[in-house]
Amino acid sequence: MTRNGYPNIVIVDGARTPIGVKCGTLSRFAPEDLATFACEEAILRSGVGRELIDVAIGANVYQCTAPGAQDIYFPRNVGLRCGLNVETPALMVQRICGSGLQTMVNAMQQIALPDAVDDAKVALCFGAEVMSRVPRMIRSPRTEASFWEFEEGGTVEDTLLAGLNHDLVSTTMMNTADEYGNRMGVTREECDTLAAQSHERARAANCASHFNGGDAMRGVFAIDAKDLGGHPVHLARDECARRTSAEALAKLRGITPNGLVTAGNASEISDGAAAVVVADREVAEQNGWATRFEIVGHGVCGVDPRVMGRGPVPSISQALSRAGLEQGDVGLWEINEAFAAQYLGVEKELGLPREKVNVNGGAIAIGHPLAATGVRMIVDLMYEMKRQGIAYGCASACIGGGQGAAVIVRNTEAV
């Protein structure tokens, strides 16, 4: 345990795919494929023997995108494809936009339990989403006469759009961001300025990436494979980032009651995956694995569903408390840009310094493949903390339905 009684858990290493734009380069892959790519890379970077991984914890929100309804086997299949022991169990977690972060929280909690309850010491955590493949569905009930037959007709449903509504409280995700932003005094101009900045930062990061001879974005690995149709794929950058401006974005029509949300200042629908290897520090040290980054705090909180974008505020506060830190101790932030209005509400409420948040672009430009986002943020955060010599970093996301999640990471080698 650490000085605050928090379990001493390290992130040995991690990696993420480039994020593909909707119906783009990665759209022919199943989530299982992308997760396998990310896990293979994370395991390779970590140097952890596959036989030493005790549990696989995966996240995938839209459980209807793999052929033949194989998404129900998602974490188990990824573990098997990565060569983990057949005896190594797999677990699926789902906390919508916080699912990726939740895989690490679950791993930390399992590792921290007494051996008599759970003796896992090393976990493979991953998230993947291929939003391009979320289908249209015909909801027809089974007949009473024959279970294997269906009634004629039925309601046609776009399952992607259906998930962006929260019927219980009669709202939508974009309306919750609009409402929260409006309560916090966010303006449309601020939203478009943030969106343009997100694209500018993401494009600059792509240019400075290790693929282009720079030292940025080292958590990203290139995908060089074949898609389900047998076509060659090579992707070495986030596809969603584009050249734009606040002036150009200002011309787009507002689509929410207060006019704060547009197609240009909301997160990109996208495809991608990310993975990390998490371990008990003592076990990592015994095996000679990297122990540079440790998880020192986490938070998961509920908020009013009508302002779900506020979720990072209490979850960050909870994570800081558990870590024994003040907000000013955090030198780098990854706050998911579900919507510009939502992020700006969080920024205003917490007083976050823009120059320390999403320095390589946020989800408006990079994309938001739901279950992958939390792990993607942690991977980007760790490598940027290492690049800049930052001691503490925090990744946080708002969550549909009115929740928030946050994880704080410490760089033990920071000067």
Protein backbone atom coordinates (compact mmCIF):
# COMPACT_ATOMS: atom_id res chain seq x y z
CA MET A 1 0.00 0.00 0.00
CA THR A 2 1.08 3.61 -0.60
CA ARG A 3 1.28 6.22 2.13
CA ASN A 4 -2.44 6.97 1.67
CA GLY A 5 -3.44 3.32 1.94
CA TYR A 6 -3.92 3.17 -1.82
CA PRO A 7 -2.80 -0.05 -3.53
CA ASN A 8 0.63 0.14 -5.19
CA ILE A 9 -0.27 -0.66 -8.79
CA VAL A 10 1.82 0.21 -11.84
CA ILE A 11 1.09 0.51 -15.54
CA VAL A 12 3.96 -1.44 -17.08
CA ASP A 13 3.28 -0.10 -20.58
CA GLY A 14 0.53 0.49 -23.10
CA ALA A 15 -0.27 1.27 -26.70
CA ARG A 16 -3.10 2.45 -28.87
CA THR A 17 -4.12 2.22 -32.49
CA PRO A 18 -4.44 5.33 -34.58
CA ILE A 19 -8.08 6.43 -34.41
CA GLY A 20 -9.96 5.92 -37.65
CA VAL A 21 -12.62 8.26 -38.94
CA LYS A 22 -16.13 6.85 -39.32
CA CYS A 23 -16.42 4.60 -42.40
CA GLY A 24 -12.67 5.07 -42.87
CA THR A 25 -9.57 2.89 -42.86
CA LEU A 26 -10.44 0.86 -39.74
CA SER A 27 -14.15 0.43 -40.39
CA ARG A 28 -13.86 -3.09 -41.82
CA PHE A 29 -12.29 -4.45 -38.64
CA ALA A 30 -14.28 -5.89 -35.75
CA PRO A 31 -13.58 -4.52 -32.24
CA GLU A 32 -11.96 -7.84 -31.41
CA ASP A 33 -9.46 -7.34 -34.24
CA LEU A 34 -8.44 -3.84 -33.17
CA ALA A 35 -8.24 -4.86 -29.51
CA THR A 36 -6.00 -7.78 -30.43
CA PHE A 37 -3.66 -5.44 -32.34
CA ALA A 38 -3.50 -3.07 -29.34
CA CYS A 39 -3.00 -5.84 -26.78
CA GLU A 40 -0.26 -7.49 -28.81
CA GLU A 41 1.59 -4.18 -28.99
CA ALA A 42 1.08 -3.42 -25.30
CA ILE A 43 2.34 -6.87 -24.28
CA LEU A 44 5.35 -6.53 -26.57
CA ARG A 45 6.25 -3.11 -25.16
CA SER A 46 5.77 -4.26 -21.57
CA GLY A 47 8.02 -7.30 -21.87
CA VAL A 48 5.54 -9.23 -19.72
CA GLY A 49 5.32 -12.93 -20.49
CA ARG A 50 1.84 -13.86 -21.69
CA GLU A 51 1.82 -16.81 -19.31
CA LEU A 52 2.17 -14.37 -16.39
CA ILE A 53 -0.99 -12.38 -17.18
CA ASP A 54 -3.66 -13.39 -14.65
CA VAL A 55 -6.75 -11.74 -16.08
CA ALA A 56 -7.97 -10.02 -19.25
CA ILE A 57 -10.40 -7.13 -18.73
CA GLY A 58 -11.97 -5.69 -21.86
CA ALA A 59 -14.50 -3.00 -22.69
CA ASN A 60 -16.82 -2.66 -25.67
CA VAL A 61 -20.01 -0.59 -25.56
CA TYR A 62 -21.87 -1.35 -28.78
CA GLN A 63 -22.30 -5.11 -28.43
CA CYS A 64 -23.55 -5.61 -31.97
CA THR A 65 -20.71 -4.80 -34.36
CA ALA A 66 -18.81 -8.08 -34.85
CA PRO A 67 -19.99 -10.63 -37.43
CA GLY A 68 -22.22 -13.37 -36.09
CA ALA A 69 -22.90 -11.61 -32.77
CA GLN A 70 -19.42 -12.55 -31.56
CA ASP A 71 -19.09 -9.43 -29.40
CA ILE A 72 -20.33 -11.40 -26.41
CA TYR A 73 -17.00 -13.25 -26.53
CA PHE A 74 -14.98 -10.05 -26.95
CA PRO A 75 -12.59 -10.10 -23.95
CA ARG A 76 -12.23 -13.87 -23.97
CA ASN A 77 -11.47 -14.02 -27.69
CA VAL A 78 -8.89 -11.23 -27.40
CA GLY A 79 -7.15 -13.08 -24.59
CA LEU A 80 -7.08 -16.30 -26.58
CA ARG A 81 -5.89 -14.59 -29.75
CA CYS A 82 -3.08 -12.94 -27.77
CA GLY A 83 -1.87 -16.30 -26.52
CA LEU A 84 -2.80 -15.94 -22.86
CA ASN A 85 -3.14 -19.16 -20.90
CA VAL A 86 -6.39 -20.97 -21.59
CA GLU A 87 -6.96 -20.87 -17.82
CA THR A 88 -6.69 -17.05 -17.74
CA PRO A 89 -10.21 -15.64 -17.23
CA ALA A 90 -11.66 -12.70 -19.10
CA LEU A 91 -14.14 -10.06 -18.00
CA MET A 92 -16.23 -7.53 -19.93
CA VAL A 93 -16.93 -4.17 -18.27
CA GLN A 94 -19.30 -1.50 -19.51
CA ARG A 95 -19.52 2.02 -18.14
CA ILE A 96 -20.24 3.64 -21.52
CA CYS A 97 -17.69 6.43 -22.12
CA GLY A 98 -15.87 5.53 -18.91
CA SER A 99 -15.50 1.85 -19.84
CA GLY A 100 -11.82 2.08 -20.75
CA LEU A 101 -10.96 3.74 -17.44
CA GLN A 102 -13.11 1.17 -15.66
CA THR A 103 -10.99 -1.71 -16.98
CA MET A 104 -8.04 -0.26 -15.06
CA VAL A 105 -10.11 0.39 -11.95
CA ASN A 106 -11.31 -3.21 -12.00
CA ALA A 107 -7.76 -4.47 -12.48
CA MET A 108 -6.48 -2.35 -9.62
CA GLN A 109 -9.23 -3.58 -7.32
CA GLN A 110 -8.64 -7.23 -8.20
CA ILE A 111 -4.90 -6.93 -7.68
CA ALA A 112 -5.40 -5.12 -4.36
CA LEU A 113 -7.65 -7.82 -2.88
CA PRO A 114 -6.14 -10.34 -0.46
CA ASP A 115 -4.90 -13.48 -2.21
CA ALA A 116 -7.55 -15.52 -0.44
CA VAL A 117 -10.17 -13.51 -2.30
CA ASP A 118 -8.38 -12.91 -5.62
CA ASP A 119 -4.75 -13.74 -6.34
CA ALA A 120 -4.46 -11.84 -9.65
CA LYS A 121 -1.28 -9.75 -9.85
CA VAL A 122 -1.06 -8.85 -13.55
CA ALA A 123 -3.93 -7.68 -15.77
CA LEU A 124 -4.32 -6.92 -19.46
CA CYS A 125 -6.77 -4.01 -19.80
CA PHE A 126 -8.20 -2.93 -23.13
CA GLY A 127 -11.05 -1.18 -24.87
CA ALA A 128 -12.17 -1.15 -28.48
CA GLU A 129 -15.02 0.30 -30.49
CA VAL A 130 -15.86 0.25 -34.18
CA MET A 131 -18.69 2.75 -34.33
CA SER A 132 -18.72 2.57 -38.13
CA ARG A 133 -20.23 -0.91 -37.85
CA VAL A 134 -23.05 -0.17 -35.40
CA PRO A 135 -26.07 -1.55 -37.30
CA ARG A 136 -29.63 -0.70 -38.01
CA MET A 137 -31.91 -3.17 -36.28
CA ILE A 138 -35.45 -4.37 -36.86
CA ARG A 139 -37.06 -5.02 -33.49
CA SER A 140 -39.55 -7.80 -34.16
CA PRO A 141 -40.72 -9.98 -31.26
CA ARG A 142 -40.52 -13.75 -31.41
CA THR A 143 -43.83 -15.50 -32.06
CA GLU A 144 -45.63 -17.52 -29.44
CA ALA A 145 -46.17 -20.33 -31.93
CA SER A 146 -42.47 -20.83 -32.69
CA PHE A 147 -39.60 -19.35 -30.67
CA TRP A 148 -37.37 -19.36 -33.76
CA GLU A 149 -39.77 -17.31 -35.87
CA PHE A 150 -40.49 -13.57 -35.71
CA GLU A 151 -43.57 -11.44 -36.22
CA GLU A 152 -43.85 -9.47 -39.44
CA GLY A 153 -42.92 -5.81 -39.42
CA GLY A 154 -41.27 -4.39 -36.36
CA THR A 155 -39.64 -1.08 -35.54
CA VAL A 156 -36.51 -0.08 -37.44
CA GLU A 157 -33.91 1.38 -35.09
CA ASP A 158 -30.54 3.03 -35.67
CA THR A 159 -28.77 1.55 -32.68
CA LEU A 160 -26.03 4.19 -32.73
CA LEU A 161 -28.49 7.07 -32.48
CA ALA A 162 -30.64 5.18 -29.97
CA GLY A 163 -27.67 5.01 -27.63
CA LEU A 164 -27.22 8.77 -27.78
CA ASN A 165 -30.66 9.28 -26.24
CA HIS A 166 -31.46 8.89 -22.54
CA ASP A 167 -35.17 8.16 -22.62
CA LEU A 168 -35.61 7.84 -18.86
CA VAL A 169 -34.96 11.56 -18.40
CA SER A 170 -36.20 12.60 -21.86
CA THR A 171 -32.93 14.01 -23.11
CA THR A 172 -30.05 13.36 -25.49
CA MET A 173 -26.31 13.44 -24.94
CA MET A 174 -25.88 16.60 -27.01
CA ASN A 175 -28.70 18.32 -25.13
CA THR A 176 -27.09 17.49 -21.78
CA ALA A 177 -23.86 19.14 -22.98
CA ASP A 178 -25.83 22.13 -24.24
CA GLU A 179 -27.65 22.47 -20.91
CA TYR A 180 -24.48 22.15 -18.81
CA GLY A 181 -22.57 24.57 -21.00
CA ASN A 182 -25.41 27.07 -20.85
CA ARG A 183 -25.56 26.86 -17.04
CA MET A 184 -21.82 27.56 -16.91
CA GLY A 185 -22.05 30.57 -19.20
CA VAL A 186 -20.33 28.90 -22.16
CA THR A 187 -20.82 30.69 -25.49
CA ARG A 188 -21.04 29.30 -29.01
CA GLU A 189 -17.92 31.26 -29.94
CA GLU A 190 -15.99 29.56 -27.15
CA CYS A 191 -17.17 26.16 -28.37
CA ASP A 192 -16.00 26.78 -31.92
CA THR A 193 -12.68 28.22 -30.74
CA LEU A 194 -12.05 25.11 -28.64
CA ALA A 195 -12.97 22.80 -31.54
CA ALA A 196 -10.59 24.61 -33.89
CA GLN A 197 -7.83 24.42 -31.27
CA SER A 198 -8.42 20.70 -30.79
CA HIS A 199 -7.91 20.08 -34.52
CA GLU A 200 -4.88 22.36 -34.62
CA ARG A 201 -3.25 20.53 -31.70
CA ALA A 202 -4.04 17.10 -33.14
CA ARG A 203 -2.64 18.00 -36.52
CA ALA A 204 0.52 19.41 -34.91
CA ALA A 205 0.90 16.21 -32.87
CA ASN A 206 0.60 14.10 -36.01
CA CYS A 207 3.31 16.19 -37.65
CA ALA A 208 5.57 15.86 -34.59
CA SER A 209 4.87 12.15 -34.11
CA HIS A 210 7.59 9.53 -34.02
CA PHE A 211 6.37 8.35 -37.41
CA ASN A 212 7.54 11.69 -38.80
CA GLY A 213 10.86 11.71 -36.97
CA GLY A 214 9.61 13.57 -33.89
CA ASP A 215 9.16 12.51 -30.28
CA ALA A 216 5.40 12.94 -29.89
CA MET A 217 2.58 10.39 -29.84
CA ARG A 218 4.85 7.47 -28.99
CA GLY A 219 1.90 5.57 -27.58
CA VAL A 220 0.52 5.16 -31.09
CA PHE A 221 1.60 2.24 -33.27
CA ALA A 222 0.95 1.84 -36.99
CA ILE A 223 -1.57 -0.74 -38.15
CA ASP A 224 -0.25 -2.74 -41.09
CA ALA A 225 -2.70 -5.55 -41.65
CA LYS A 226 -5.57 -6.79 -43.79
CA ASP A 227 -9.18 -5.94 -43.14
CA LEU A 228 -12.02 -8.46 -43.16
CA GLY A 229 -12.23 -8.16 -46.94
CA GLY A 230 -8.58 -9.04 -47.36
CA HIS A 231 -7.55 -5.53 -48.35
CA PRO A 232 -4.18 -4.21 -47.10
CA VAL A 233 -4.37 -1.52 -44.43
CA HIS A 234 -1.62 0.84 -43.26
CA LEU A 235 -2.51 3.63 -40.89
CA ALA A 236 0.02 5.67 -38.92
CA ARG A 237 -1.97 8.73 -37.83
CA ASP A 238 -5.32 9.72 -36.37
CA GLU A 239 -7.61 10.13 -39.35
CA CYS A 240 -10.18 12.52 -37.89
CA ALA A 241 -7.99 15.61 -37.44
CA ARG A 242 -8.45 18.15 -40.20
CA ARG A 243 -7.65 21.72 -41.14
CA THR A 244 -10.40 24.06 -39.99
CA SER A 245 -10.95 27.37 -38.15
CA ALA A 246 -13.28 28.92 -35.63
CA GLU A 247 -14.65 31.09 -38.44
CA ALA A 248 -15.50 28.07 -40.56
CA LEU A 249 -17.04 26.22 -37.62
CA ALA A 250 -19.14 29.27 -36.73
CA LYS A 251 -21.04 28.82 -40.00
CA LEU A 252 -22.45 25.46 -38.92
CA ARG A 253 -26.00 25.30 -37.62
CA GLY A 254 -26.56 24.83 -33.90
CA ILE A 255 -28.57 21.64 -33.27
CA THR A 256 -29.45 22.02 -29.58
CA PRO A 257 -31.88 24.32 -27.72
CA ASN A 258 -29.20 26.84 -26.73
CA GLY A 259 -27.35 26.48 -30.03
CA LEU A 260 -24.03 25.47 -28.42
CA VAL A 261 -23.60 22.08 -30.12
CA THR A 262 -22.93 21.62 -33.83
CA ALA A 263 -21.59 18.82 -36.00
CA GLY A 264 -18.23 20.59 -35.87
CA ASN A 265 -17.76 21.01 -32.12
CA ALA A 266 -18.83 17.53 -30.97
CA SER A 267 -16.59 14.48 -30.69
CA GLU A 268 -15.96 12.49 -33.86
CA ILE A 269 -17.71 9.16 -34.34
CA SER A 270 -14.73 6.86 -34.83
CA ASP A 271 -13.02 3.48 -34.58
CA GLY A 272 -10.04 2.41 -32.48
CA ALA A 273 -8.55 0.46 -29.60
CA ALA A 274 -6.04 0.81 -26.78
CA ALA A 275 -4.49 -1.45 -24.16
CA VAL A 276 -2.31 -1.35 -21.04
CA VAL A 277 -0.65 -3.97 -18.85
CA VAL A 278 -1.27 -3.32 -15.15
CA ALA A 279 0.60 -5.07 -12.34
CA ASP A 280 1.30 -5.15 -8.64
CA ARG A 281 4.46 -3.09 -8.10
CA GLU A 282 6.26 -5.78 -6.10
CA VAL A 283 5.61 -8.39 -8.80
CA ALA A 284 6.74 -5.95 -11.49
CA GLU A 285 9.96 -5.22 -9.63
CA GLN A 286 10.64 -8.92 -9.08
CA ASN A 287 10.33 -9.54 -12.82
CA GLY A 288 12.32 -6.49 -13.89
CA TRP A 289 9.38 -4.79 -15.60
CA ALA A 290 9.00 -1.04 -15.90
CA THR A 291 7.49 0.60 -12.82
CA ARG A 292 7.72 4.22 -13.90
CA PHE A 293 3.98 4.89 -13.94
CA GLU A 294 1.71 4.07 -11.06
CA ILE A 295 -2.01 4.55 -10.52
CA VAL A 296 -2.36 6.75 -7.44
CA GLY A 297 -6.02 7.72 -7.45
CA HIS A 298 -9.34 7.11 -9.14
CA GLY A 299 -12.87 8.40 -8.90
CA VAL A 300 -16.27 7.33 -10.22
CA CYS A 301 -19.29 9.51 -9.42
CA GLY A 302 -22.86 10.10 -10.47
CA VAL A 303 -24.32 13.48 -11.49
CA ASP A 304 -27.68 14.75 -12.68
CA PRO A 305 -28.29 12.96 -16.02
CA ARG A 306 -29.55 16.21 -17.53
CA VAL A 307 -26.04 17.66 -17.18
CA MET A 308 -24.10 14.42 -17.61
CA GLY A 309 -21.13 16.37 -19.01
CA ARG A 310 -20.36 17.58 -15.49
CA GLY A 311 -19.24 14.07 -14.52
CA PRO A 312 -15.48 14.83 -14.48
CA VAL A 313 -15.92 17.48 -11.78
CA PRO A 314 -16.81 15.24 -8.81
CA SER A 315 -14.85 12.23 -10.11
CA ILE A 316 -11.65 14.28 -10.38
CA SER A 317 -12.24 15.64 -6.87
CA GLN A 318 -12.67 12.10 -5.56
CA ALA A 319 -9.54 10.87 -7.36
CA LEU A 320 -7.47 13.78 -6.01
CA SER A 321 -8.67 13.07 -2.48
CA ARG A 322 -7.72 9.40 -2.72
CA ALA A 323 -4.31 10.35 -4.13
CA GLY A 324 -3.70 12.94 -1.40
CA LEU A 325 -3.16 15.61 -4.04
CA GLU A 326 -4.33 19.13 -4.80
CA GLN A 327 -5.60 20.04 -8.25
CA GLY A 328 -2.52 22.22 -8.80
CA ASP A 329 -0.27 19.17 -8.39
CA VAL A 330 -1.52 17.78 -11.70
CA GLY A 331 0.73 18.92 -14.52
CA LEU A 332 -1.10 17.33 -17.46
CA TRP A 333 -4.75 16.54 -18.11
CA GLU A 334 -6.71 14.44 -20.58
CA ILE A 335 -10.38 15.44 -20.35
CA ASN A 336 -12.54 13.78 -22.97
CA GLU A 337 -14.09 16.32 -25.33
CA ALA A 338 -17.44 14.61 -25.76
CA PHE A 339 -18.75 18.04 -26.76
CA ALA A 340 -17.02 21.40 -26.66
CA ALA A 341 -19.82 22.82 -24.50
CA GLN A 342 -19.40 19.97 -22.02
CA TYR A 343 -15.62 20.25 -21.80
CA LEU A 344 -15.78 24.03 -21.41
CA GLY A 345 -18.28 23.64 -18.57
CA VAL A 346 -15.81 21.38 -16.77
CA GLU A 347 -12.92 23.73 -17.53
CA LYS A 348 -14.82 26.69 -16.10
CA GLU A 349 -16.08 24.87 -13.01
CA LEU A 350 -12.66 23.48 -12.11
CA GLY A 351 -10.59 26.40 -13.38
CA LEU A 352 -8.43 24.13 -15.52
CA PRO A 353 -5.48 25.73 -17.37
CA ARG A 354 -6.12 25.16 -21.10
CA GLU A 355 -2.39 24.93 -21.81
CA LYS A 356 -2.18 21.75 -19.71
CA VAL A 357 -5.27 19.98 -21.07
CA ASN A 358 -5.47 17.80 -24.19
CA VAL A 359 -2.17 19.19 -25.41
CA ASN A 360 -2.17 16.86 -28.43
CA GLY A 361 -5.81 17.42 -29.27
CA GLY A 362 -8.98 16.00 -27.79
CA ALA A 363 -11.87 13.84 -28.93
CA ILE A 364 -13.34 16.57 -31.13
CA ALA A 365 -10.34 16.10 -33.41
CA ILE A 366 -8.98 12.67 -32.46
CA GLY A 367 -12.30 10.87 -32.19
CA HIS A 368 -14.22 9.16 -29.40
CA PRO A 369 -14.47 5.38 -29.93
CA LEU A 370 -16.44 4.97 -26.72
CA ALA A 371 -14.92 1.99 -24.89
CA ALA A 372 -11.43 2.72 -26.19
CA THR A 373 -11.33 6.35 -25.12
CA GLY A 374 -10.38 5.90 -21.46
CA VAL A 375 -7.40 3.67 -22.21
CA ARG A 376 -6.48 5.86 -25.19
CA MET A 377 -6.30 8.88 -22.91
CA ILE A 378 -4.15 7.04 -20.36
CA VAL A 379 -1.71 5.86 -23.05
CA ASP A 380 -1.40 9.34 -24.54
CA LEU A 381 -1.11 10.83 -21.05
CA MET A 382 1.72 8.53 -19.95
CA TYR A 383 3.84 9.06 -23.02
CA GLU A 384 3.35 12.83 -22.92
CA MET A 385 4.18 12.91 -19.19
CA LYS A 386 7.39 11.04 -19.98
CA ARG A 387 8.13 13.41 -22.86
CA GLN A 388 7.67 16.53 -20.72
CA GLY A 389 8.91 15.14 -17.39
CA ILE A 390 5.54 15.69 -15.69
CA ALA A 391 5.01 14.09 -12.28
CA TYR A 392 1.22 13.77 -12.14
CA GLY A 393 -1.40 13.40 -14.86
CA CYS A 394 -5.15 12.86 -14.79
CA ALA A 395 -7.51 11.37 -17.37
CA SER A 396 -11.25 11.87 -17.00
CA ALA A 397 -14.45 11.46 -18.97
CA CYS A 398 -18.11 12.27 -18.61
CA ILE A 399 -20.41 9.28 -19.01
CA GLY A 400 -23.84 9.00 -20.58
CA GLY A 401 -26.61 8.63 -18.02
CA GLY A 402 -24.94 11.06 -15.64
CA GLN A 403 -21.62 9.73 -14.37
CA GLY A 404 -17.94 10.62 -14.47
CA ALA A 405 -14.70 8.68 -14.13
CA ALA A 406 -11.12 9.78 -13.48
CA VAL A 407 -7.75 8.08 -13.03
CA ILE A 408 -4.59 9.81 -11.75
CA VAL A 409 -1.17 8.53 -12.80
CA ARG A 410 2.20 9.35 -11.23
CA ASN A 411 5.46 9.43 -13.16
CA THR A 412 7.89 8.27 -10.49
CA GLU A 413 10.92 9.28 -12.58
CA ALA A 414 9.87 12.89 -13.11
CA VAL A 415 12.48 15.42 -11.96
